[in-house]
Amino acid sequence: MAFLIGVTLALSIGLLMSFTGFDRDRAFYPTVMIVIALYYALFAVMGGSVEVLLLESVPIAVFFVASIAGFKYSLWLVVAALVAHGVYDISHGQLFANPGVPAWWPNFCLAYDVVAGLYLAWLLKTNRIHARANNSLTTKG
């Protein structure tokens, strides 16, 4: 059930953001990726473990860097980060014992992340969003 809800939410949110034009801003999907990465920090805090929070900070930082690089250079990096985070969700329990993670989270987040990544890939492939940043927007001058 969690998997189906993740798929449904990712498609619903993607379509709504396209319909309203929110996703025309290059920052939208990188910001979504950053928020997704931060959930494991939230779960560590909810579980009351500073040690797990510190351990979770490493992969969170990797996803932050991928999101920022995707925003600055190519949104295809964000597609890769979203799909990679979905894979990470499934293997997360074998890497970390985070007591705050709900039992249904890995399947939900796997589905959401991969579908969101595929939706962004479709937007990029069909030129609804430009993959590359406009240099005048990303550099100070």
Protein backbone atom coordinates (compact mmCIF):
# COMPACT_ATOMS: atom_id res chain seq x y z
CA MET A 1 0.00 0.00 0.00
CA ALA A 2 2.83 2.41 0.85
CA PHE A 3 4.35 1.82 -2.60
CA LEU A 4 1.07 2.64 -4.35
CA ILE A 5 0.61 5.78 -2.27
CA GLY A 6 4.15 6.89 -3.14
CA VAL A 7 3.52 6.41 -6.87
CA THR A 8 0.16 8.20 -6.69
CA LEU A 9 1.55 11.15 -4.73
CA ALA A 10 4.58 11.58 -6.99
CA LEU A 11 2.42 11.59 -10.13
CA SER A 12 -0.21 13.84 -8.57
CA ILE A 13 2.31 16.35 -7.29
CA GLY A 14 4.29 16.30 -10.54
CA LEU A 15 1.18 16.91 -12.63
CA LEU A 16 -0.07 19.64 -10.28
CA MET A 17 3.29 21.41 -10.33
CA SER A 18 3.35 21.24 -14.14
CA PHE A 19 -0.24 22.49 -14.38
CA THR A 20 0.40 25.43 -12.05
CA GLY A 21 3.83 26.20 -13.50
CA PHE A 22 5.73 25.74 -10.23
CA ASP A 23 8.15 23.35 -11.91
CA ARG A 24 9.17 25.94 -14.51
CA ASP A 25 11.53 27.31 -11.89
CA ARG A 26 14.79 25.34 -12.07
CA ALA A 27 14.99 25.33 -8.28
CA PHE A 28 11.82 23.28 -7.80
CA TYR A 29 13.11 19.71 -8.24
CA PRO A 30 16.51 20.35 -6.58
CA THR A 31 14.61 21.75 -3.59
CA VAL A 32 12.36 18.68 -3.52
CA MET A 33 15.49 16.49 -3.53
CA ILE A 34 16.98 18.42 -0.61
CA VAL A 35 13.77 18.06 1.41
CA ILE A 36 13.62 14.34 0.63
CA ALA A 37 17.22 13.91 1.83
CA LEU A 38 16.44 15.70 5.10
CA TYR A 39 13.73 13.25 6.16
CA TYR A 40 16.32 10.83 7.55
CA ALA A 41 17.68 13.60 9.78
CA LEU A 42 14.14 14.23 11.01
CA PHE A 43 13.70 10.52 11.73
CA ALA A 44 16.99 10.43 13.65
CA VAL A 45 15.84 13.36 15.78
CA MET A 46 12.44 11.72 16.32
CA GLY A 47 14.26 8.53 17.35
CA GLY A 48 16.38 10.50 19.78
CA SER A 49 19.74 9.45 18.37
CA VAL A 50 22.46 12.06 17.90
CA GLU A 51 24.84 9.31 16.73
CA VAL A 52 22.45 8.28 13.94
CA LEU A 53 21.90 11.94 13.05
CA LEU A 54 25.65 12.35 12.57
CA LEU A 55 25.84 9.18 10.47
CA GLU A 56 22.85 10.24 8.37
CA SER A 57 24.54 13.60 7.72
CA VAL A 58 27.02 12.02 5.29
CA PRO A 59 24.52 10.74 2.69
CA ILE A 60 22.39 13.84 3.26
CA ALA A 61 25.40 15.97 2.30
CA VAL A 62 25.93 13.87 -0.85
CA PHE A 63 22.32 14.45 -1.93
CA PHE A 64 22.64 18.16 -1.12
CA VAL A 65 25.71 18.44 -3.34
CA ALA A 66 23.97 16.52 -6.16
CA SER A 67 20.95 18.82 -5.87
CA ILE A 68 23.02 21.99 -5.96
CA ALA A 69 25.13 20.71 -8.86
CA GLY A 70 21.94 19.76 -10.68
CA PHE A 71 20.55 23.23 -10.21
CA LYS A 72 23.79 24.92 -11.27
CA TYR A 73 24.64 22.67 -14.23
CA SER A 74 22.05 20.11 -15.35
CA LEU A 75 18.78 18.86 -13.93
CA TRP A 76 19.75 15.39 -15.17
CA LEU A 77 21.89 15.23 -12.02
CA VAL A 78 18.71 15.74 -9.99
CA VAL A 79 17.02 12.92 -11.92
CA ALA A 80 19.96 10.69 -10.98
CA ALA A 81 19.83 11.86 -7.36
CA LEU A 82 16.09 11.16 -7.05
CA VAL A 83 16.43 7.65 -8.48
CA ALA A 84 19.57 7.00 -6.40
CA HIS A 85 17.71 8.11 -3.28
CA GLY A 86 14.96 5.61 -4.08
CA VAL A 87 17.57 2.84 -4.20
CA TYR A 88 19.09 4.24 -1.00
CA ASP A 89 15.68 4.02 0.69
CA ILE A 90 15.47 0.28 0.08
CA SER A 91 19.00 -0.35 1.38
CA HIS A 92 18.86 2.24 4.18
CA GLY A 93 17.81 -0.23 6.88
CA GLN A 94 20.88 -2.36 6.19
CA LEU A 95 23.17 0.69 6.44
CA PHE A 96 21.69 2.51 9.44
CA ALA A 97 19.62 1.56 12.45
CA ASN A 98 17.55 4.76 12.55
CA PRO A 99 14.86 4.22 15.21
CA GLY A 100 12.64 7.02 13.91
CA VAL A 101 12.07 5.58 10.41
CA PRO A 102 8.49 4.29 10.05
CA ALA A 103 8.23 0.69 8.82
CA TRP A 104 6.33 1.77 5.70
CA TRP A 105 8.80 4.56 4.76
CA PRO A 106 11.29 2.64 2.57
CA ASN A 107 8.61 1.41 0.13
CA PHE A 108 6.79 4.73 0.11
CA CYS A 109 9.92 6.79 -0.45
CA LEU A 110 11.33 4.36 -3.04
CA ALA A 111 8.15 4.73 -5.07
CA TYR A 112 7.92 8.50 -4.64
CA ASP A 113 11.60 9.15 -5.45
CA VAL A 114 11.78 6.95 -8.54
CA VAL A 115 8.49 8.19 -9.98
CA ALA A 116 9.43 11.83 -9.29
CA GLY A 117 12.79 11.20 -10.98
CA LEU A 118 11.14 9.58 -13.98
CA TYR A 119 8.62 12.42 -14.22
CA LEU A 120 11.43 14.98 -14.18
CA ALA A 121 13.27 12.93 -16.83
CA TRP A 122 10.14 13.03 -19.00
CA LEU A 123 9.87 16.81 -18.52
CA LEU A 124 13.51 17.20 -19.57
CA LYS A 125 13.30 14.78 -22.50
CA THR A 126 10.21 16.53 -23.91
CA ASN A 127 11.80 19.98 -23.37
CA ARG A 128 9.07 21.11 -20.99
CA ILE A 129 11.94 22.11 -18.68
CA HIS A 130 15.47 22.93 -19.81
CA ALA A 131 18.11 20.66 -18.37
CA ARG A 132 20.94 23.18 -18.46
CA ALA A 133 21.10 26.35 -16.45
CA ASN A 134 21.27 29.70 -18.18
CA ASN A 135 24.73 30.96 -17.26
CA SER A 136 23.48 34.51 -16.76
CA LEU A 137 21.16 33.25 -14.05
CA THR A 138 23.69 31.09 -12.20
CA THR A 139 26.77 33.27 -12.14
CA LYS A 140 27.32 36.64 -10.58
CA GLY A 141 28.48 39.25 -12.98
